[in-house]
Amino acid sequence: MSLIILSGNNAIDSLLVGTRWGASTNNTSAALTYGYPNGNDTLWKNNYLLNEPSLWSPLSTQQYEYFKQALNLWADVADITLTEVDDNQSSQGDIRIAYSNIVTNELNTAAWAYVPTDFGVLEEAGDIWLSTEVTDLQPETFGFSTLLHELGHALGLKHPFDIQSNNQNTLSTIENTTQYTLMSYTNYTGAGNIYTPTGNNNFSIFSVKPTTPMLYDIQALQYIYGANTTTRTGNDTYTFSHTQGEIKTIWDAGGTDTFDLSNQTLAMEINLKAGEFSSLGVKRTSINGSLQTADNNIAIAFNTVIENAIGGSGNDTIIGNSANNTFTGGAGNDLIDGNLGQDTAIYTGNLANYRIAALDSNRLQISSRSSNEGIDTLSNIEILRFSDQSISTLNFLSTQAPPSKTSEVITNTLEGNSNHFNYFLLELSAPLESDASVTYQTQNGSAIAKQDYIATSGIATIPAGQTSVAIAVEIIADNIAENNETFSLLISNPQGGIFPVGVDNIIATHTILDDDNVPTARFIGVNSQFEDFNISN
């Protein structure tokens, strides 16, 4: 055990006792042992501050398992190696826990813990004493929250309101709640209450407690011991209760991860930014009252990246981070802001099933013609993914609208000063009673993919009852004088319709017109013959 220096970050320093297990260097891992005092061969030192061992009793086997769950939640976020050891006359763990009537009778508190090198006394450090009145230690109870709180002390955290001679830092009134740290005594009410029947139409009522170390707890413990970079490194999906309130913080060390709110029916507010809170799940504020959306109850730990979000059936708000996010709004009128990164919004139907309109140069409004996906407003979204194709939002935010008939197809397109889209049109002579589709793929001519245009491929579908679908190809602009160049779209494998007899593939060719040697006001290729292809029905 050793001293540590303050970080200079008030959110961290307000929680630091100033001592730690292991080396004195910050952000350095520690190896800790823990044990289960449960018999007559248990050894307690004689001069405890309050002589707690004089009236001690062990936890039950099941209660000890809950204690280990709480301990492992701290080890999940910090670089702490835990080893269970026997507890007897010759062996004791660094972290120990037992009941004591001294705590119940003298302290009038739920529990008491000794921090590392507390008051210069080494033997007691890490020992936790529970009141005999705290018996229910299973997760999502007051008892489990008490375990988490006391383990925070045992690992080196103080109350955020305590002023010490070596540390004057405290949290503000707004932050000194269990929303930010479970080391606080002030319950956060944003997740509501839990009402437990006690008979005769009576209920016990207590605020929903954190079920994990919270945002500042994780930050502080990682400052002391470093981060556990092995916790949840796969592709994890996080869901949240739609029947009872929750308060928790998500620490995830890697993988491609998802917040899945598809089980929710109320309006959710999902914020994927690290260090921020989301309003997820529900809360209950009266015994017979209806459920409401919880308020800023789920945090994402600093240095955690959650890439994807799936909304519920309510009117959700989803905010992305700087990663490449994927969003599925689902039902309801959703507001989705991709923030930074290359972000994708997913819709379940074919492109032709949606009405898409630009609200301004950055925002789109999307509504389904047939499903219950609501009316969504998207900003800072780069890609729209439909069941039949993916398409850049520049198609709709740019001034050129996708063609819906052959006369609108531009086969000779100016290269331009910024990237833009040129469209091919897949068209039927008459609507069909079922979907018709083809496989498509761009092909180089004198124009080269990645230099002159962005290659694309996929399946394009004309929904039943409609006659066309547009396929977009992004043209790469430059200021280099060069010849006009051509590229093509190859279509094959018709499904739900047929090509003309004897035709296996159809190719349509477009031309990129160089405009670096001519005034941009000059019109080129206006009278060129449009090229198109048809599927016979």
Protein backbone atom coordinates (compact mmCIF):
# COMPACT_ATOMS: atom_id res chain seq x y z
CA MET A 1 0.00 0.00 0.00
CA SER A 2 1.23 3.46 -0.86
CA LEU A 3 0.40 7.12 -1.34
CA ILE A 4 -0.76 8.57 -4.65
CA ILE A 5 -0.78 12.13 -5.96
CA LEU A 6 -3.87 14.04 -7.00
CA SER A 7 -4.74 14.21 -10.70
CA GLY A 8 -5.77 17.84 -11.04
CA ASN A 9 -9.20 16.71 -12.30
CA ASN A 10 -11.79 17.59 -9.66
CA ALA A 11 -14.14 14.77 -10.73
CA ILE A 12 -11.35 12.29 -9.97
CA ASP A 13 -9.74 13.98 -6.99
CA SER A 14 -13.06 14.41 -5.15
CA LEU A 15 -13.10 10.61 -4.81
CA LEU A 16 -9.45 9.90 -3.92
CA VAL A 17 -8.48 8.89 -0.38
CA GLY A 18 -4.85 9.36 -1.41
CA THR A 19 -3.73 5.79 -0.80
CA ARG A 20 -3.85 2.65 -2.89
CA TRP A 21 -2.91 -0.99 -2.94
CA GLY A 22 0.41 -1.84 -4.54
CA ALA A 23 2.99 0.46 -6.08
CA SER A 24 2.92 4.22 -5.59
CA THR A 25 2.80 4.92 -9.32
CA ASN A 26 -0.61 5.99 -10.64
CA ASN A 27 -2.26 3.95 -13.40
CA THR A 28 -0.39 0.85 -12.24
CA SER A 29 -2.12 -2.50 -11.77
CA ALA A 30 -2.52 -4.14 -8.40
CA ALA A 31 -2.80 -7.79 -7.35
CA LEU A 32 -5.29 -8.27 -4.50
CA THR A 33 -6.48 -11.24 -2.51
CA TYR A 34 -9.86 -11.68 -0.89
CA GLY A 35 -11.32 -14.22 1.49
CA TYR A 36 -14.38 -15.50 3.31
CA PRO A 37 -14.20 -15.31 7.12
CA ASN A 38 -16.71 -17.96 8.12
CA GLY A 39 -15.39 -20.06 11.01
CA ASN A 40 -13.71 -20.26 14.39
CA ASP A 41 -10.26 -20.39 12.82
CA THR A 42 -10.65 -16.85 11.43
CA LEU A 43 -7.99 -14.47 12.72
CA TRP A 44 -8.86 -10.84 13.53
CA LYS A 45 -6.35 -8.40 14.95
CA ASN A 46 -7.02 -7.18 18.47
CA ASN A 47 -7.01 -3.40 18.25
CA TYR A 48 -9.66 -2.56 15.65
CA LEU A 49 -10.87 1.03 15.90
CA LEU A 50 -14.30 -0.06 17.17
CA ASN A 51 -13.44 -3.63 18.16
CA GLU A 52 -15.78 -4.93 15.44
CA PRO A 53 -14.58 -8.57 15.71
CA SER A 54 -15.88 -8.80 19.27
CA LEU A 55 -19.41 -9.27 17.89
CA TRP A 56 -18.79 -10.62 14.41
CA SER A 57 -20.65 -13.21 12.34
CA PRO A 58 -20.10 -14.55 8.83
CA LEU A 59 -22.09 -13.96 5.68
CA SER A 60 -24.02 -16.90 4.33
CA THR A 61 -22.59 -18.76 1.37
CA GLN A 62 -25.08 -17.07 -0.96
CA GLN A 63 -24.41 -13.63 0.51
CA TYR A 64 -20.69 -14.19 -0.05
CA GLU A 65 -21.40 -14.98 -3.71
CA TYR A 66 -23.16 -11.62 -4.05
CA PHE A 67 -20.14 -9.99 -2.44
CA LYS A 68 -17.90 -11.57 -5.08
CA GLN A 69 -20.19 -10.29 -7.82
CA ALA A 70 -19.85 -6.76 -6.46
CA LEU A 71 -16.07 -7.11 -6.15
CA ASN A 72 -15.79 -8.34 -9.73
CA LEU A 73 -17.74 -5.31 -10.97
CA TRP A 74 -14.90 -3.11 -9.69
CA ALA A 75 -12.29 -5.43 -11.19
CA ASP A 76 -14.12 -5.22 -14.53
CA VAL A 77 -13.29 -1.52 -14.83
CA ALA A 78 -9.84 -1.29 -13.22
CA ASP A 79 -6.60 -3.22 -13.71
CA ILE A 80 -6.95 -5.23 -10.52
CA THR A 81 -6.11 -8.93 -10.37
CA LEU A 82 -8.19 -10.78 -7.79
CA THR A 83 -7.23 -14.07 -6.16
CA GLU A 84 -9.41 -15.84 -3.59
CA VAL A 85 -7.52 -17.26 -0.61
CA ASP A 86 -8.47 -19.32 2.44
CA ASP A 87 -9.33 -17.39 5.58
CA ASN A 88 -7.81 -18.94 8.67
CA GLN A 89 -5.19 -18.34 11.34
CA SER A 90 -2.37 -18.23 8.81
CA SER A 91 -4.10 -16.80 5.71
CA GLN A 92 -6.30 -13.75 5.21
CA GLY A 93 -7.30 -11.82 2.11
CA ASP A 94 -6.56 -8.17 1.50
CA ILE A 95 -10.33 -7.66 1.12
CA ARG A 96 -12.54 -9.29 3.77
CA ILE A 97 -16.17 -8.91 4.75
CA ALA A 98 -18.25 -9.92 7.76
CA TYR A 99 -21.18 -8.79 9.90
CA SER A 100 -20.69 -6.97 13.20
CA ASN A 101 -23.24 -5.90 15.78
CA ILE A 102 -20.86 -3.08 16.68
CA VAL A 103 -21.69 -1.49 13.30
CA THR A 104 -25.39 -2.07 13.90
CA ASN A 105 -25.50 -0.78 17.49
CA GLU A 106 -22.78 1.86 17.67
CA LEU A 107 -22.46 3.34 14.20
CA ASN A 108 -26.16 3.27 13.29
CA THR A 109 -25.12 2.75 9.71
CA ALA A 110 -25.44 0.05 7.08
CA ALA A 111 -21.74 -0.68 6.77
CA TRP A 112 -18.22 0.49 7.45
CA ALA A 113 -14.97 -0.13 5.54
CA TYR A 114 -11.28 0.52 6.11
CA VAL A 115 -9.44 2.20 3.24
CA PRO A 116 -5.87 1.26 2.25
CA THR A 117 -3.50 2.26 5.15
CA ASP A 118 -6.41 3.94 6.96
CA PHE A 119 -5.00 6.04 9.85
CA GLY A 120 -1.67 4.29 9.32
CA VAL A 121 -3.12 0.94 10.41
CA LEU A 122 -2.27 -1.80 7.94
CA GLU A 123 -4.06 -4.91 9.15
CA GLU A 124 -7.58 -3.50 8.97
CA ALA A 125 -7.14 -2.10 5.45
CA GLY A 126 -9.67 -3.59 3.05
CA ASP A 127 -11.92 -5.00 5.76
CA ILE A 128 -15.66 -4.37 5.38
CA TRP A 129 -18.16 -4.65 8.24
CA LEU A 130 -21.89 -4.89 7.57
CA SER A 131 -24.78 -4.17 9.88
CA THR A 132 -26.66 -7.36 10.72
CA GLU A 133 -29.79 -5.60 9.49
CA VAL A 134 -28.49 -5.58 5.90
CA THR A 135 -29.37 -9.10 4.85
CA ASP A 136 -30.57 -8.91 1.23
CA LEU A 137 -27.39 -8.55 -0.81
CA GLN A 138 -28.64 -9.66 -4.20
CA PRO A 139 -28.16 -7.32 -7.18
CA GLU A 140 -30.53 -4.35 -7.57
CA THR A 141 -31.09 -4.09 -3.82
CA PHE A 142 -29.98 -1.60 -1.21
CA GLY A 143 -27.69 -4.28 0.20
CA PHE A 144 -25.88 -4.84 -3.10
CA SER A 145 -25.44 -1.10 -3.56
CA THR A 146 -23.97 -1.02 -0.05
CA LEU A 147 -21.46 -3.69 -1.05
CA LEU A 148 -20.40 -1.65 -4.05
CA HIS A 149 -20.05 1.49 -1.94
CA GLU A 150 -17.94 -0.15 0.77
CA LEU A 151 -15.73 -1.90 -1.77
CA GLY A 152 -15.07 1.52 -3.28
CA HIS A 153 -13.70 2.60 0.10
CA ALA A 154 -11.69 -0.60 0.46
CA LEU A 155 -10.05 0.09 -2.92
CA GLY A 156 -9.17 3.72 -2.14
CA LEU A 157 -12.21 5.95 -2.80
CA LYS A 158 -13.70 8.48 -0.41
CA HIS A 159 -17.06 10.21 -0.19
CA PRO A 160 -17.31 13.06 -2.72
CA PHE A 161 -18.31 15.49 0.04
CA ASP A 162 -15.47 14.65 2.47
CA ILE A 163 -12.73 17.23 2.98
CA GLN A 164 -9.39 15.77 4.01
CA SER A 165 -6.23 17.50 5.17
CA ASN A 166 -4.44 16.25 2.06
CA ASN A 167 -7.38 16.62 -0.34
CA GLN A 168 -9.82 19.54 -0.28
CA ASN A 169 -11.64 18.50 -3.45
CA THR A 170 -15.38 17.87 -3.37
CA LEU A 171 -18.08 17.50 -6.00
CA SER A 172 -20.67 20.17 -6.67
CA THR A 173 -24.18 19.72 -5.34
CA ILE A 174 -25.40 18.75 -8.81
CA GLU A 175 -22.75 16.04 -9.23
CA ASN A 176 -22.77 14.79 -5.63
CA THR A 177 -25.42 12.14 -6.29
CA THR A 178 -25.43 8.48 -7.19
CA GLN A 179 -25.91 9.50 -10.83
CA TYR A 180 -22.19 10.30 -10.97
CA THR A 181 -20.77 8.25 -8.10
CA LEU A 182 -22.08 5.51 -5.86
CA MET A 183 -19.77 6.93 -3.17
CA SER A 184 -22.35 9.70 -2.66
CA TYR A 185 -24.98 9.65 0.06
CA THR A 186 -27.48 11.53 -2.12
CA ASN A 187 -29.81 9.31 -4.13
CA TYR A 188 -30.36 10.23 -7.76
CA THR A 189 -34.07 10.19 -8.55
CA GLY A 190 -33.90 10.04 -12.34
CA ALA A 191 -34.61 6.30 -12.40
CA GLY A 192 -37.51 6.54 -9.96
CA ASN A 193 -38.27 4.29 -7.02
CA ILE A 194 -38.76 0.62 -6.25
CA TYR A 195 -42.00 -0.20 -4.43
CA THR A 196 -41.99 -3.52 -2.58
CA PRO A 197 -45.22 -4.84 -1.00
CA THR A 198 -44.92 -5.47 2.75
CA GLY A 199 -48.52 -6.60 3.39
CA ASN A 200 -51.80 -4.87 4.27
CA ASN A 201 -51.46 -2.62 1.21
CA ASN A 202 -48.20 -1.20 2.57
CA PHE A 203 -45.01 -0.79 0.58
CA SER A 204 -41.37 -0.17 1.27
CA ILE A 205 -40.03 2.59 -0.97
CA PHE A 206 -36.45 3.33 -1.91
CA SER A 207 -34.74 5.04 -4.82
CA VAL A 208 -33.27 2.90 -7.55
CA LYS A 209 -29.59 2.30 -6.72
CA PRO A 210 -26.61 1.97 -9.06
CA THR A 211 -25.86 -1.59 -10.11
CA THR A 212 -22.33 -0.75 -11.33
CA PRO A 213 -19.60 1.70 -10.41
CA MET A 214 -20.70 5.01 -11.91
CA LEU A 215 -19.07 7.48 -14.30
CA TYR A 216 -16.74 9.24 -11.86
CA ASP A 217 -16.08 6.07 -9.85
CA ILE A 218 -14.70 4.34 -12.93
CA GLN A 219 -12.64 7.36 -13.91
CA ALA A 220 -11.15 7.65 -10.41
CA LEU A 221 -10.36 3.96 -9.97
CA GLN A 222 -8.78 3.81 -13.42
CA TYR A 223 -6.64 6.81 -12.46
CA ILE A 224 -5.39 4.82 -9.48
CA TYR A 225 -4.93 1.36 -11.02
CA GLY A 226 -5.30 1.80 -14.77
CA ALA A 227 -8.12 0.48 -16.94
CA ASN A 228 -9.08 -3.14 -17.40
CA THR A 229 -8.68 -3.46 -21.18
CA THR A 230 -9.90 -7.08 -21.28
CA THR A 231 -13.49 -6.43 -20.21
CA ARG A 232 -16.06 -7.01 -22.95
CA THR A 233 -13.77 -6.82 -25.98
CA GLY A 234 -16.22 -8.66 -28.25
CA ASN A 235 -19.24 -7.35 -30.12
CA ASP A 236 -21.58 -6.69 -27.21
CA THR A 237 -25.24 -5.70 -27.20
CA TYR A 238 -26.65 -3.78 -24.25
CA THR A 239 -30.35 -3.86 -23.39
CA PHE A 240 -32.25 -2.11 -20.62
CA SER A 241 -35.29 -2.96 -18.55
CA HIS A 242 -38.71 -1.76 -19.70
CA THR A 243 -40.35 -2.62 -16.36
CA GLN A 244 -38.04 -1.25 -13.63
CA GLY A 245 -35.64 1.67 -13.35
CA GLU A 246 -31.87 1.27 -13.64
CA ILE A 247 -28.80 3.37 -12.92
CA LYS A 248 -25.54 2.10 -14.37
CA THR A 249 -22.44 3.01 -16.34
CA ILE A 250 -21.19 0.99 -19.30
CA TRP A 251 -17.48 0.19 -19.47
CA ASP A 252 -16.56 -1.69 -22.64
CA ALA A 253 -12.95 -2.19 -23.73
CA GLY A 254 -13.43 -3.05 -27.40
CA GLY A 255 -15.39 -4.67 -30.21
CA THR A 256 -18.32 -3.27 -32.15
CA ASP A 257 -21.05 -2.64 -29.64
CA THR A 258 -24.75 -1.79 -29.72
CA PHE A 259 -27.33 -0.14 -27.49
CA ASP A 260 -30.52 -2.05 -28.33
CA LEU A 261 -33.72 -0.30 -27.18
CA SER A 262 -36.07 -2.35 -29.36
CA ASN A 263 -37.92 -3.56 -26.25
CA GLN A 264 -38.88 0.00 -25.27
CA THR A 265 -42.20 1.67 -26.07
CA LEU A 266 -41.58 5.11 -24.55
CA ALA A 267 -39.44 7.85 -26.09
CA MET A 268 -35.74 7.14 -25.47
CA GLU A 269 -32.80 9.52 -25.60
CA ILE A 270 -29.67 7.65 -26.66
CA ASN A 271 -26.35 9.48 -26.49
CA LEU A 272 -23.37 7.41 -27.67
CA LYS A 273 -20.75 9.95 -26.57
CA ALA A 274 -18.33 8.76 -23.89
CA GLY A 275 -18.74 10.55 -20.59
CA GLU A 276 -22.38 11.43 -21.34
CA PHE A 277 -25.72 10.16 -20.03
CA SER A 278 -28.66 8.66 -21.90
CA SER A 279 -32.28 8.49 -20.77
CA LEU A 280 -33.00 4.80 -21.24
CA GLY A 281 -35.62 2.47 -19.87
CA VAL A 282 -38.32 3.48 -17.44
CA LYS A 283 -38.96 4.91 -14.01
CA ARG A 284 -41.84 4.71 -11.57
CA THR A 285 -42.48 7.63 -9.24
CA SER A 286 -45.66 6.48 -7.53
CA ILE A 287 -47.11 3.13 -6.54
CA ASN A 288 -49.98 3.16 -9.03
CA GLY A 289 -48.59 5.69 -11.48
CA SER A 290 -47.73 4.88 -15.06
CA LEU A 291 -44.19 4.24 -16.19
CA GLN A 292 -42.23 7.19 -17.55
CA THR A 293 -38.97 7.46 -19.44
CA ALA A 294 -36.02 7.41 -17.05
CA ASP A 295 -33.94 10.57 -16.94
CA ASN A 296 -30.17 10.59 -17.65
CA ASN A 297 -29.70 7.27 -15.89
CA ILE A 298 -27.30 5.35 -18.14
CA ALA A 299 -23.76 6.65 -18.68
CA ILE A 300 -21.04 5.56 -21.07
CA ALA A 301 -17.67 5.53 -19.32
CA PHE A 302 -14.87 7.72 -20.56
CA ASN A 303 -12.76 5.98 -23.23
CA THR A 304 -15.60 3.59 -24.09
CA VAL A 305 -16.87 3.46 -27.67
CA ILE A 306 -20.39 2.22 -28.43
CA GLU A 307 -20.78 2.17 -32.19
CA ASN A 308 -24.43 1.36 -32.88
CA ALA A 309 -27.91 2.15 -31.59
CA ILE A 310 -31.32 0.58 -32.17
CA GLY A 311 -34.34 2.61 -31.13
CA GLY A 312 -37.68 1.44 -29.78
CA SER A 313 -41.24 2.13 -30.90
CA GLY A 314 -41.41 5.60 -29.34
CA ASN A 315 -40.24 8.94 -30.68
CA ASP A 316 -36.53 8.49 -29.96
CA THR A 317 -33.60 10.88 -30.05
CA ILE A 318 -30.28 9.27 -31.00
CA ILE A 319 -26.94 11.10 -30.92
CA GLY A 320 -23.80 9.53 -32.35
CA ASN A 321 -20.15 9.90 -31.45
CA SER A 322 -16.99 10.27 -33.54
CA ALA A 323 -16.94 6.58 -34.56
CA ASN A 324 -18.64 5.18 -37.65
CA ASN A 325 -22.11 4.67 -36.18
CA THR A 326 -25.02 2.60 -37.43
CA PHE A 327 -28.52 3.65 -36.37
CA THR A 328 -31.85 1.85 -36.62
CA GLY A 329 -34.58 4.21 -35.51
CA GLY A 330 -37.45 1.73 -35.69
CA ALA A 331 -41.02 2.88 -35.24
CA GLY A 332 -41.85 6.38 -34.11
CA ASN A 333 -40.79 9.81 -35.28
CA ASP A 334 -37.07 9.71 -34.51
CA LEU A 335 -34.41 12.42 -34.45
CA ILE A 336 -31.02 10.97 -35.38
CA ASP A 337 -27.79 13.01 -35.37
CA GLY A 338 -24.74 11.08 -36.48
CA ASN A 339 -22.31 13.68 -35.17
CA LEU A 340 -18.82 12.86 -36.54
CA GLY A 341 -17.72 9.76 -38.44
CA GLN A 342 -19.16 7.94 -41.45
CA ASP A 343 -22.62 7.14 -40.16
CA THR A 344 -25.38 4.92 -41.53
CA ALA A 345 -29.13 4.93 -40.95
CA ILE A 346 -30.87 1.59 -41.57
CA TYR A 347 -34.41 1.09 -42.92
CA THR A 348 -36.18 -2.21 -43.37
CA GLY A 349 -37.84 -1.67 -46.75
CA ASN A 350 -36.67 -1.01 -50.28
CA LEU A 351 -35.56 2.49 -51.18
CA ALA A 352 -38.64 3.04 -53.31
CA ASN A 353 -40.87 2.52 -50.25
CA TYR A 354 -39.72 5.79 -48.67
CA ARG A 355 -40.28 9.47 -49.22
CA ILE A 356 -37.01 11.33 -48.75
CA ALA A 357 -36.78 15.11 -48.69
CA ALA A 358 -33.98 17.54 -47.88
CA LEU A 359 -34.83 20.00 -45.12
CA ASP A 360 -31.57 21.88 -45.66
CA SER A 361 -28.00 21.13 -46.73
CA ASN A 362 -27.47 18.77 -43.78
CA ARG A 363 -30.88 17.37 -42.78
CA LEU A 364 -33.15 14.82 -44.37
CA GLN A 365 -36.70 13.83 -43.56
CA ILE A 366 -37.57 10.20 -44.27
CA SER A 367 -40.99 8.62 -44.08
CA SER A 368 -42.18 5.17 -45.09
CA ARG A 369 -44.94 4.73 -47.64
CA SER A 370 -46.09 1.46 -46.14
CA SER A 371 -44.53 0.57 -42.72
CA ASN A 372 -44.79 2.06 -39.25
CA GLU A 373 -41.28 3.47 -39.17
CA GLY A 374 -42.65 6.97 -38.64
CA ILE A 375 -41.19 10.23 -39.91
CA ASP A 376 -37.48 10.53 -39.10
CA THR A 377 -35.28 13.59 -39.21
CA LEU A 378 -31.62 12.81 -39.91
CA SER A 379 -28.58 15.06 -39.65
CA ASN A 380 -24.89 14.29 -40.14
CA ILE A 381 -25.76 10.92 -41.69
CA GLU A 382 -23.67 9.86 -44.67
CA ILE A 383 -25.32 6.60 -45.80
CA LEU A 384 -28.86 5.29 -45.98
CA ARG A 385 -29.11 1.50 -45.98
CA PHE A 386 -32.28 -0.05 -47.38
CA SER A 387 -33.07 -3.70 -47.92
CA ASP A 388 -32.26 -3.46 -51.61
CA GLN A 389 -29.37 -1.00 -51.67
CA SER A 390 -27.25 1.50 -49.77
CA ILE A 391 -27.11 5.05 -50.99
CA SER A 392 -25.28 8.20 -49.96
CA THR A 393 -27.35 10.98 -48.44
CA LEU A 394 -25.66 13.32 -50.91
CA ASN A 395 -28.13 11.93 -53.41
CA PHE A 396 -30.87 13.78 -51.62
CA LEU A 397 -29.00 16.68 -50.08
CA SER A 398 -27.58 17.71 -53.47
CA THR A 399 -29.56 19.73 -55.98
CA GLN A 400 -29.88 16.88 -58.45
CA ALA A 401 -32.80 14.64 -57.53
CA PRO A 402 -32.79 10.95 -58.47
CA PRO A 403 -34.63 10.35 -61.78
CA SER A 404 -37.99 8.62 -61.79
CA LYS A 405 -38.40 8.35 -65.56
CA THR A 406 -36.11 7.91 -68.57
CA SER A 407 -36.30 11.52 -69.67
CA GLU A 408 -34.68 12.61 -66.40
CA VAL A 409 -31.59 10.40 -66.73
CA ILE A 410 -28.36 12.36 -67.33
CA THR A 411 -25.99 10.15 -69.28
CA ASN A 412 -23.35 12.84 -69.89
CA THR A 413 -22.49 14.39 -66.52
CA LEU A 414 -20.05 17.17 -65.79
CA GLU A 415 -17.12 16.19 -63.58
CA GLY A 416 -17.73 19.28 -61.45
CA ASN A 417 -15.81 20.93 -58.63
CA SER A 418 -17.11 18.66 -55.87
CA ASN A 419 -18.20 15.06 -55.71
CA HIS A 420 -21.75 14.44 -56.84
CA PHE A 421 -24.01 11.63 -58.05
CA ASN A 422 -24.93 10.42 -61.47
CA TYR A 423 -27.91 8.08 -61.79
CA PHE A 424 -28.85 5.05 -63.84
CA LEU A 425 -32.51 4.15 -63.98
CA LEU A 426 -33.90 0.63 -63.81
CA GLU A 427 -37.35 0.81 -65.38
CA LEU A 428 -40.31 -1.43 -66.20
CA SER A 429 -42.76 -0.73 -68.99
CA ALA A 430 -45.62 -1.45 -66.56
CA PRO A 431 -45.86 -2.22 -62.84
CA LEU A 432 -45.81 -5.82 -61.66
CA GLU A 433 -47.80 -7.49 -58.90
CA SER A 434 -44.60 -8.59 -57.13
CA ASP A 435 -41.11 -7.17 -56.62
CA ALA A 436 -38.62 -7.31 -59.48
CA SER A 437 -34.87 -7.02 -58.96
CA VAL A 438 -31.51 -7.26 -60.66
CA THR A 439 -27.90 -7.50 -59.54
CA TYR A 440 -25.84 -4.46 -60.55
CA GLN A 441 -22.14 -3.58 -60.64
CA THR A 442 -20.16 -0.66 -62.04
CA GLN A 443 -17.43 -1.35 -64.59
CA ASN A 444 -14.46 0.72 -65.71
CA GLY A 445 -14.28 2.15 -69.17
CA SER A 446 -11.78 4.93 -69.70
CA ALA A 447 -12.96 6.17 -66.30
CA ILE A 448 -11.26 4.32 -63.44
CA ALA A 449 -12.90 3.47 -60.10
CA LYS A 450 -11.40 5.35 -57.12
CA GLN A 451 -9.93 7.92 -59.49
CA ASP A 452 -12.95 9.10 -61.45
CA TYR A 453 -15.90 7.48 -59.69
CA ILE A 454 -16.69 5.30 -56.67
CA ALA A 455 -17.39 1.68 -57.57
CA THR A 456 -20.70 0.33 -56.36
CA SER A 457 -22.63 -2.93 -56.56
CA GLY A 458 -25.69 -4.53 -55.06
CA ILE A 459 -29.26 -5.59 -55.72
CA ALA A 460 -31.74 -3.02 -57.00
CA THR A 461 -35.43 -3.77 -56.49
CA ILE A 462 -38.52 -2.28 -58.05
CA PRO A 463 -41.33 -2.84 -55.54
CA ALA A 464 -44.63 -4.30 -56.66
CA GLY A 465 -46.89 -1.65 -58.14
CA GLN A 466 -44.03 0.66 -59.13
CA THR A 467 -42.09 1.02 -62.36
CA SER A 468 -38.57 2.27 -61.56
CA VAL A 469 -35.70 2.58 -59.13
CA ALA A 470 -32.63 4.83 -59.42
CA ILE A 471 -29.08 3.56 -58.90
CA ALA A 472 -26.53 6.20 -57.86
CA VAL A 473 -22.82 6.32 -58.70
CA GLU A 474 -20.64 8.94 -57.00
CA ILE A 475 -18.51 10.98 -59.40
CA ILE A 476 -15.12 12.14 -58.10
CA ALA A 477 -14.39 15.78 -58.94
CA ASP A 478 -10.92 17.16 -59.64
CA ASN A 479 -9.28 20.15 -61.32
CA ILE A 480 -7.10 18.16 -63.71
CA ALA A 481 -7.57 18.67 -67.45
CA GLU A 482 -8.28 15.29 -69.06
CA ASN A 483 -10.32 13.62 -71.74
CA ASN A 484 -13.97 12.79 -71.35
CA GLU A 485 -14.22 9.32 -69.77
CA THR A 486 -16.81 6.58 -69.69
CA PHE A 487 -17.96 4.03 -67.14
CA SER A 488 -20.76 1.48 -67.25
CA LEU A 489 -23.34 -0.30 -65.13
CA LEU A 490 -23.73 -4.04 -65.70
CA ILE A 491 -27.02 -5.59 -64.64
CA SER A 492 -27.75 -9.32 -64.49
CA ASN A 493 -29.68 -12.04 -62.72
CA PRO A 494 -33.22 -10.70 -63.07
CA GLN A 495 -35.65 -11.89 -60.40
CA GLY A 496 -39.40 -11.38 -60.71
CA GLY A 497 -39.03 -10.30 -64.33
CA ILE A 498 -37.09 -11.32 -67.41
CA PHE A 499 -34.66 -9.73 -69.84
CA PRO A 500 -35.46 -9.74 -73.56
CA VAL A 501 -35.06 -13.14 -75.19
CA GLY A 502 -31.40 -14.08 -75.65
CA VAL A 503 -30.10 -11.34 -73.34
CA ASP A 504 -28.16 -12.42 -70.22
CA ASN A 505 -26.66 -9.08 -69.23
CA ILE A 506 -27.46 -5.47 -69.99
CA ILE A 507 -24.87 -2.69 -69.93
CA ALA A 508 -25.61 1.04 -69.81
CA THR A 509 -22.74 3.49 -70.32
CA HIS A 510 -22.43 7.05 -69.06
CA THR A 511 -19.80 9.70 -69.78
CA ILE A 512 -17.97 11.97 -67.37
CA LEU A 513 -17.37 15.25 -69.17
CA ASP A 514 -14.18 17.07 -68.26
CA ASP A 515 -14.93 20.70 -67.43
CA ASP A 516 -11.50 21.90 -66.34
CA ASN A 517 -10.75 23.59 -69.68
CA VAL A 518 -14.19 25.08 -70.35
CA PRO A 519 -16.33 27.67 -68.51
CA THR A 520 -18.68 25.97 -66.12
CA ALA A 521 -21.62 27.91 -67.58
CA ARG A 522 -21.27 26.11 -70.91
CA PHE A 523 -23.81 23.27 -71.37
CA ILE A 524 -22.34 20.07 -72.73
CA GLY A 525 -24.13 17.02 -73.98
CA VAL A 526 -27.64 18.38 -73.64
CA ASN A 527 -28.72 16.72 -76.86
CA SER A 528 -26.98 13.44 -76.19
CA GLN A 529 -29.20 10.42 -76.50
CA PHE A 530 -30.25 9.02 -73.14
CA GLU A 531 -29.39 5.41 -72.44
CA ASP A 532 -31.60 3.17 -70.36
CA PHE A 533 -32.54 -0.46 -69.97
CA ASN A 534 -35.79 -2.29 -69.42
CA ILE A 535 -36.98 -5.53 -67.87
CA SER A 536 -39.71 -7.14 -69.90
CA ASN A 537 -42.79 -8.27 -68.03
